[in-house]
Amino acid sequence: MPTQRKNEDKISIDLDFPHADAEHIASGLRTESEFTELNGIISISISATNFSDLRAIWNSTMRGLVASEQALNAIKGSSE
């Protein structure tokens, strides 16, 4: 069986999406990924040297976004 070589190049995903509460939602990414928030658009960039690591970072980033949105919705719901 041939020896599997480690990928020397980085694999990356870039994602841009708008959100009405982008500034607050982006705060959930502070420990997860590189990101910027500008004028209601969140831009996320993640990279790794293999697909397994990239998938793990992606999953963690998405969990952070979902948790931020759920927390924000809970706060909005309790103030109504």
C-alpha atoms as a PDB file:
ATOM      1  CA  MET A   1       0.000   0.000   0.000  1.00  0.00           C
ATOM      2  CA  PRO A   2       1.474   3.386  -0.950  1.00  0.00           C
ATOM      3  CA  THR A   3       2.284   5.815   1.817  1.00  0.00           C
ATOM      4  CA  GLN A   4      -0.229   8.622   2.016  1.00  0.00           C
ATOM      5  CA  ARG A   5       1.421  12.020   1.815  1.00  0.00           C
ATOM      6  CA  LYS A   6       0.305  14.954   3.890  1.00  0.00           C
ATOM      7  CA  ASN A   7      -1.052  17.836   1.867  1.00  0.00           C
ATOM      8  CA  GLU A   8       1.429  20.717   1.939  1.00  0.00           C
ATOM      9  CA  ASP A   9      -1.170  23.171   0.675  1.00  0.00           C
ATOM     10  CA  LYS A  10      -3.926  24.648   2.759  1.00  0.00           C
ATOM     11  CA  ILE A  11      -7.556  23.900   2.032  1.00  0.00           C
ATOM     12  CA  SER A  12      -9.781  26.907   2.564  1.00  0.00           C
ATOM     13  CA  ILE A  13     -13.419  27.910   2.728  1.00  0.00           C
ATOM     14  CA  ASP A  14     -14.566  31.504   2.518  1.00  0.00           C
ATOM     15  CA  LEU A  15     -18.161  32.362   3.360  1.00  0.00           C
ATOM     16  CA  ASP A  16     -19.920  35.737   3.175  1.00  0.00           C
ATOM     17  CA  PHE A  17     -23.495  36.166   4.364  1.00  0.00           C
ATOM     18  CA  PRO A  18     -25.770  38.990   5.464  1.00  0.00           C
ATOM     19  CA  HIS A  19     -27.579  39.018   8.792  1.00  0.00           C
ATOM     20  CA  ALA A  20     -29.812  41.656  10.350  1.00  0.00           C
ATOM     21  CA  ASP A  21     -27.858  41.319  13.623  1.00  0.00           C
ATOM     22  CA  ALA A  22     -24.460  40.629  12.057  1.00  0.00           C
ATOM     23  CA  GLU A  23     -22.463  42.508  14.706  1.00  0.00           C
ATOM     24  CA  HIS A  24     -23.995  40.446  17.519  1.00  0.00           C
ATOM     25  CA  ILE A  25     -23.912  37.155  15.639  1.00  0.00           C
ATOM     26  CA  ALA A  26     -20.246  37.682  14.729  1.00  0.00           C
ATOM     27  CA  SER A  27     -19.352  38.006  18.408  1.00  0.00           C
ATOM     28  CA  GLY A  28     -19.910  34.240  18.678  1.00  0.00           C
ATOM     29  CA  LEU A  29     -17.054  33.679  16.252  1.00  0.00           C
ATOM     30  CA  ARG A  30     -14.348  35.383  18.307  1.00  0.00           C
ATOM     31  CA  THR A  31     -12.788  32.086  19.367  1.00  0.00           C
ATOM     32  CA  GLU A  32     -13.745  29.978  16.341  1.00  0.00           C
ATOM     33  CA  SER A  33     -12.529  31.472  13.060  1.00  0.00           C
ATOM     34  CA  GLU A  34     -11.060  34.424  11.288  1.00  0.00           C
ATOM     35  CA  PHE A  35     -13.902  36.741  10.388  1.00  0.00           C
ATOM     36  CA  THR A  36     -14.891  40.304   9.644  1.00  0.00           C
ATOM     37  CA  GLU A  37     -18.229  42.025   9.997  1.00  0.00           C
ATOM     38  CA  LEU A  38     -18.930  45.078   7.897  1.00  0.00           C
ATOM     39  CA  ASN A  39     -22.239  46.734   7.079  1.00  0.00           C
ATOM     40  CA  GLY A  40     -24.307  43.721   8.087  1.00  0.00           C
ATOM     41  CA  ILE A  41     -22.198  41.154   6.233  1.00  0.00           C
ATOM     42  CA  ILE A  42     -20.187  38.522   8.057  1.00  0.00           C
ATOM     43  CA  SER A  43     -17.172  37.142   6.178  1.00  0.00           C
ATOM     44  CA  ILE A  44     -15.648  33.937   7.533  1.00  0.00           C
ATOM     45  CA  SER A  45     -12.410  32.355   6.368  1.00  0.00           C
ATOM     46  CA  ILE A  46     -11.257  28.958   7.592  1.00  0.00           C
ATOM     47  CA  SER A  47      -8.339  26.854   6.432  1.00  0.00           C
ATOM     48  CA  ALA A  48      -6.504  23.673   7.356  1.00  0.00           C
ATOM     49  CA  THR A  49      -3.972  21.288   5.871  1.00  0.00           C
ATOM     50  CA  ASN A  50      -6.457  18.421   5.526  1.00  0.00           C
ATOM     51  CA  PHE A  51     -10.172  17.882   5.016  1.00  0.00           C
ATOM     52  CA  SER A  52     -10.708  16.307   8.414  1.00  0.00           C
ATOM     53  CA  ASP A  53      -9.361  19.351  10.248  1.00  0.00           C
ATOM     54  CA  LEU A  54     -11.225  21.711   7.937  1.00  0.00           C
ATOM     55  CA  ARG A  55     -14.464  19.867   8.631  1.00  0.00           C
ATOM     56  CA  ALA A  56     -13.873  20.069  12.392  1.00  0.00           C
ATOM     57  CA  ILE A  57     -13.208  23.810  12.207  1.00  0.00           C
ATOM     58  CA  TRP A  58     -16.279  24.274   9.974  1.00  0.00           C
ATOM     59  CA  ASN A  59     -18.487  22.349  12.417  1.00  0.00           C
ATOM     60  CA  SER A  60     -17.195  24.338  15.379  1.00  0.00           C
ATOM     61  CA  THR A  61     -17.708  27.612  13.518  1.00  0.00           C
ATOM     62  CA  MET A  62     -21.267  26.711  12.542  1.00  0.00           C
ATOM     63  CA  ARG A  63     -22.084  25.652  16.119  1.00  0.00           C
ATOM     64  CA  GLY A  64     -20.830  29.056  17.290  1.00  0.00           C
ATOM     65  CA  LEU A  65     -23.049  30.850  14.776  1.00  0.00           C
ATOM     66  CA  VAL A  66     -26.104  28.800  15.695  1.00  0.00           C
ATOM     67  CA  ALA A  67     -25.511  29.331  19.418  1.00  0.00           C
ATOM     68  CA  SER A  68     -25.112  33.076  18.906  1.00  0.00           C
ATOM     69  CA  GLU A  69     -28.324  33.313  16.926  1.00  0.00           C
ATOM     70  CA  GLN A  70     -30.240  31.216  19.462  1.00  0.00           C
ATOM     71  CA  ALA A  71     -28.968  33.353  22.340  1.00  0.00           C
ATOM     72  CA  LEU A  72     -29.858  36.540  20.488  1.00  0.00           C
ATOM     73  CA  ASN A  73     -33.349  35.216  19.710  1.00  0.00           C
ATOM     74  CA  ALA A  74     -33.844  34.252  23.361  1.00  0.00           C
ATOM     75  CA  ILE A  75     -32.874  37.743  24.481  1.00  0.00           C
ATOM     76  CA  LYS A  76     -35.172  39.340  21.913  1.00  0.00           C
ATOM     77  CA  GLY A  77     -38.009  37.010  22.923  1.00  0.00           C
ATOM     78  CA  SER A  78     -37.683  37.835  26.612  1.00  0.00           C
ATOM     79  CA  SER A  79     -37.773  41.570  25.986  1.00  0.00           C
ATOM     80  CA  GLU A  80     -41.042  41.488  24.051  1.00  0.00           C
END
